[in-house]
Amino acid sequence: MKKLLMLALPLLISGIAKAQTDEAAASPAHKNDNSNIIAIAPIQFTENGVGLAFSYEKGIDKAGIVAYNLPLIATFNLNNNVSNGDHQDAMFYFSPGIKFYPTSSHGNVKYAIGPSLVIGAGEKTTHSSTYLPNPGNPSNPYYYEQYTTQSKFILGIMVSNSLNINPTEHFYLGLDFGFGFTYINRLAGNNDGLTGVVQSGFKIGYRF
């Protein structure tokens, strides 16, 4: 009996060790949690206009609760009218932020909320008009319009809401909406004060 136990013990230990190894390999900590997302937003809105965006998101913790997001955005003012002289003022944004997933980012449909810094640079066209004297006909002065395109820079903060839709393991769809305010709203070197900022977009991407 003693010899039988001596022979069976190594086999038992080996079996337990193999079972633990197999269990660890199958646990979520050893699986790809797909917490990284590369996405493009073919439809992107800001307070400046419409454009597109590229973003990278990376999960920080294994539970998928916290992630950081790095979007790059370009938008153009497509509202061609007298206020901007049909000039499509371009604005470029970098809005790094943190996303919090209350029920983790792992799943088919997930919601996230978090703060983002808003850094934007580009241009803005302003319009002014006045009447100038007409020496030939004083009763009919000239109507003079002037459009001035100036450099613009903003720095602010906003709160973003996100909806992640993951139909498959690697395919990603997303909806984002953020609203906030500027601390700096500088036009041609002069600070115009507090103003609102908006960012919203529809994203398509790859999870890995």
Protein backbone atom coordinates (compact mmCIF):
# COMPACT_ATOMS: atom_id res chain seq x y z
CA MET A 1 0.00 0.00 0.00
CA LYS A 2 2.83 2.33 0.85
CA LYS A 3 4.47 1.70 -2.51
CA LEU A 4 1.14 2.29 -4.26
CA LEU A 5 0.73 5.64 -2.51
CA MET A 6 4.30 6.61 -3.43
CA LEU A 7 3.52 5.90 -7.06
CA ALA A 8 0.13 7.59 -7.04
CA LEU A 9 1.26 10.79 -5.28
CA PRO A 10 3.41 12.16 -8.13
CA LEU A 11 0.60 11.44 -10.57
CA LEU A 12 -1.89 13.25 -8.33
CA ILE A 13 0.39 16.27 -7.92
CA SER A 14 1.03 16.35 -11.65
CA GLY A 15 -2.70 16.21 -12.36
CA ILE A 16 -3.47 19.06 -9.94
CA ALA A 17 -0.69 21.20 -11.41
CA LYS A 18 -1.95 20.59 -14.95
CA ALA A 19 -5.53 21.46 -13.96
CA GLN A 20 -4.41 24.74 -12.36
CA THR A 21 -2.37 25.61 -15.45
CA ASP A 22 -5.32 24.93 -17.74
CA GLU A 23 -7.63 27.01 -15.53
CA ALA A 24 -5.20 29.94 -15.44
CA ALA A 25 -4.80 29.84 -19.20
CA ALA A 26 -8.57 29.96 -19.63
CA SER A 27 -9.11 32.81 -17.15
CA PRO A 28 -9.91 36.33 -18.47
CA ALA A 29 -6.56 37.66 -17.24
CA HIS A 30 -4.82 35.47 -19.82
CA LYS A 31 -7.20 36.22 -22.67
CA ASN A 32 -7.07 39.16 -25.04
CA ASP A 33 -9.53 41.60 -23.44
CA ASN A 34 -9.73 43.78 -26.60
CA SER A 35 -9.25 46.94 -24.55
CA ASN A 36 -7.49 48.81 -27.38
CA ILE A 37 -9.50 50.57 -30.07
CA ILE A 38 -8.34 52.34 -33.22
CA ALA A 39 -11.20 54.21 -34.88
CA ILE A 40 -12.05 56.78 -37.52
CA ALA A 41 -15.05 59.09 -37.37
CA PRO A 42 -16.22 59.84 -40.93
CA ILE A 43 -18.88 62.12 -39.44
CA GLN A 44 -17.60 64.49 -36.75
CA PHE A 45 -19.17 67.69 -35.42
CA THR A 46 -17.75 70.52 -33.33
CA GLU A 47 -18.90 74.05 -32.57
CA ASN A 48 -16.86 75.06 -35.64
CA GLY A 49 -18.49 72.78 -38.19
CA VAL A 50 -18.30 69.31 -39.74
CA GLY A 51 -15.28 67.13 -40.44
CA LEU A 52 -13.64 63.86 -39.48
CA ALA A 53 -11.58 62.41 -36.65
CA PHE A 54 -9.11 59.67 -35.75
CA SER A 55 -8.86 58.24 -32.24
CA TYR A 56 -6.97 55.70 -30.16
CA GLU A 57 -8.31 54.26 -26.93
CA LYS A 58 -6.43 52.05 -24.49
CA GLY A 59 -7.72 50.34 -21.36
CA ILE A 60 -5.70 51.00 -18.21
CA ASP A 61 -6.95 48.25 -15.89
CA LYS A 62 -7.76 44.58 -16.54
CA ALA A 63 -11.34 45.02 -15.34
CA GLY A 64 -11.98 47.45 -18.21
CA ILE A 65 -13.26 50.25 -15.96
CA VAL A 66 -10.79 53.00 -16.91
CA ALA A 67 -9.34 53.88 -20.31
CA TYR A 68 -7.64 56.87 -21.86
CA ASN A 69 -8.71 58.28 -25.20
CA LEU A 70 -6.64 60.28 -27.70
CA PRO A 71 -8.72 61.83 -30.53
CA LEU A 72 -7.49 64.06 -33.34
CA ILE A 73 -10.23 66.11 -35.03
CA ALA A 74 -10.43 68.35 -38.11
CA THR A 75 -13.58 70.34 -38.90
CA PHE A 76 -14.59 73.02 -41.39
CA ASN A 77 -17.26 75.70 -41.32
CA LEU A 78 -19.61 74.66 -44.13
CA ASN A 79 -22.16 77.34 -43.32
CA ASN A 80 -21.27 79.57 -46.27
CA ASN A 81 -22.98 82.91 -45.74
CA VAL A 82 -22.34 86.61 -45.36
CA SER A 83 -20.93 86.16 -41.85
CA ASN A 84 -17.77 84.44 -43.06
CA GLY A 85 -17.56 85.40 -46.71
CA ASP A 86 -17.88 81.77 -47.86
CA HIS A 87 -14.59 81.00 -46.10
CA GLN A 88 -14.48 77.47 -44.67
CA ASP A 89 -12.49 78.17 -41.52
CA ALA A 90 -10.54 75.05 -40.56
CA MET A 91 -10.06 74.04 -36.93
CA PHE A 92 -7.91 71.19 -35.63
CA TYR A 93 -8.45 69.68 -32.17
CA PHE A 94 -6.58 67.39 -29.81
CA SER A 95 -8.78 66.22 -26.93
CA PRO A 96 -7.02 63.73 -24.63
CA GLY A 97 -9.27 62.36 -21.92
CA ILE A 98 -10.18 59.62 -19.47
CA LYS A 99 -13.19 57.32 -19.92
CA PHE A 100 -14.92 55.50 -17.05
CA TYR A 101 -17.01 52.42 -17.85
CA PRO A 102 -19.37 51.81 -14.87
CA THR A 103 -19.93 48.16 -15.89
CA SER A 104 -16.55 47.67 -17.63
CA SER A 105 -15.80 47.96 -21.34
CA HIS A 106 -16.13 44.20 -21.92
CA GLY A 107 -19.41 43.41 -23.64
CA ASN A 108 -21.54 44.12 -26.68
CA VAL A 109 -23.02 47.50 -25.67
CA LYS A 110 -21.21 49.69 -23.13
CA TYR A 111 -21.56 53.25 -21.82
CA ALA A 112 -18.72 55.49 -20.67
CA ILE A 113 -18.36 59.01 -19.28
CA GLY A 114 -15.30 61.11 -18.50
CA PRO A 115 -13.48 64.45 -18.69
CA SER A 116 -11.42 65.60 -21.66
CA LEU A 117 -9.05 68.46 -22.30
CA VAL A 118 -9.85 70.47 -25.45
CA ILE A 119 -7.00 72.05 -27.41
CA GLY A 120 -7.92 73.65 -30.72
CA ALA A 121 -6.10 75.75 -33.30
CA GLY A 122 -7.13 77.14 -36.66
CA GLU A 123 -8.75 80.24 -38.07
CA LYS A 124 -11.93 82.28 -37.96
CA THR A 125 -13.29 84.80 -40.43
CA THR A 126 -15.15 87.85 -39.15
CA HIS A 127 -17.36 90.24 -41.08
CA SER A 128 -17.74 94.01 -40.83
CA SER A 129 -19.59 96.51 -42.98
CA THR A 130 -19.84 100.28 -43.22
CA TYR A 131 -21.01 103.06 -45.52
CA LEU A 132 -18.42 105.25 -47.26
CA PRO A 133 -19.13 108.68 -48.70
CA ASN A 134 -19.86 108.86 -52.43
CA PRO A 135 -18.46 112.14 -53.77
CA GLY A 136 -20.42 111.82 -56.99
CA ASN A 137 -23.71 111.15 -55.24
CA PRO A 138 -23.70 112.11 -51.55
CA SER A 139 -27.22 110.75 -51.07
CA ASN A 140 -26.12 107.25 -52.15
CA PRO A 141 -22.99 106.27 -50.17
CA TYR A 142 -20.97 103.19 -50.92
CA TYR A 143 -21.75 100.06 -48.93
CA TYR A 144 -18.41 98.52 -47.99
CA GLU A 145 -17.98 94.97 -46.62
CA GLN A 146 -14.78 93.56 -45.20
CA TYR A 147 -13.86 89.98 -44.24
CA THR A 148 -10.91 89.33 -41.96
CA THR A 149 -9.47 85.86 -41.36
CA GLN A 150 -7.56 85.58 -38.09
CA SER A 151 -5.80 82.85 -36.17
CA LYS A 152 -7.77 81.15 -33.40
CA PHE A 153 -6.70 79.09 -30.38
CA ILE A 154 -8.85 77.55 -27.67
CA LEU A 155 -8.11 75.68 -24.47
CA GLY A 156 -10.87 74.23 -22.34
CA ILE A 157 -12.41 71.17 -20.74
CA MET A 158 -15.52 69.13 -21.43
CA VAL A 159 -17.40 66.04 -20.24
CA SER A 160 -17.85 63.32 -22.85
CA ASN A 161 -20.47 60.58 -23.06
CA SER A 162 -19.75 57.51 -25.16
CA LEU A 163 -21.66 54.47 -26.34
CA ASN A 164 -19.59 51.50 -27.51
CA ILE A 165 -21.23 48.87 -29.71
CA ASN A 166 -19.16 45.72 -30.28
CA PRO A 167 -21.02 43.41 -32.70
CA THR A 168 -18.03 41.05 -32.98
CA GLU A 169 -14.74 40.46 -31.19
CA HIS A 170 -12.83 43.02 -33.25
CA PHE A 171 -15.46 45.20 -34.98
CA TYR A 172 -16.31 48.43 -33.16
CA LEU A 173 -18.98 51.12 -33.57
CA GLY A 174 -19.15 54.18 -31.36
CA LEU A 175 -21.17 57.31 -30.63
CA ASP A 176 -19.65 60.24 -28.73
CA PHE A 177 -21.06 63.50 -27.43
CA GLY A 178 -19.19 66.03 -25.33
CA PHE A 179 -19.98 69.52 -24.08
CA GLY A 180 -17.86 72.00 -22.14
CA PHE A 181 -16.35 75.48 -21.93
CA THR A 182 -13.13 77.22 -22.82
CA TYR A 183 -10.69 78.82 -20.41
CA ILE A 184 -8.84 80.45 -23.29
CA ASN A 185 -10.58 81.59 -26.48
CA ARG A 186 -7.92 83.57 -28.27
CA LEU A 187 -8.61 85.29 -31.61
CA ALA A 188 -5.67 87.06 -33.24
CA GLY A 189 -3.93 87.21 -29.87
CA ASN A 190 -6.92 88.63 -27.97
CA ASN A 191 -8.86 86.51 -25.48
CA ASP A 192 -12.58 86.65 -26.31
CA GLY A 193 -13.54 85.02 -23.02
CA LEU A 194 -15.73 82.08 -22.12
CA THR A 195 -17.45 80.14 -24.89
CA GLY A 196 -18.96 76.70 -25.34
CA VAL A 197 -17.31 73.75 -27.06
CA VAL A 198 -19.09 70.73 -28.54
CA GLN A 199 -17.74 67.49 -29.97
CA SER A 200 -19.90 64.70 -31.36
CA GLY A 201 -19.23 61.91 -33.82
CA PHE A 202 -19.96 58.47 -35.19
CA LYS A 203 -16.97 56.11 -35.17
CA ILE A 204 -16.01 52.86 -36.87
CA GLY A 205 -12.97 50.96 -35.69
CA TYR A 206 -10.99 47.87 -34.79
CA ARG A 207 -10.68 46.37 -31.28
CA PHE A 208 -7.62 44.40 -30.26
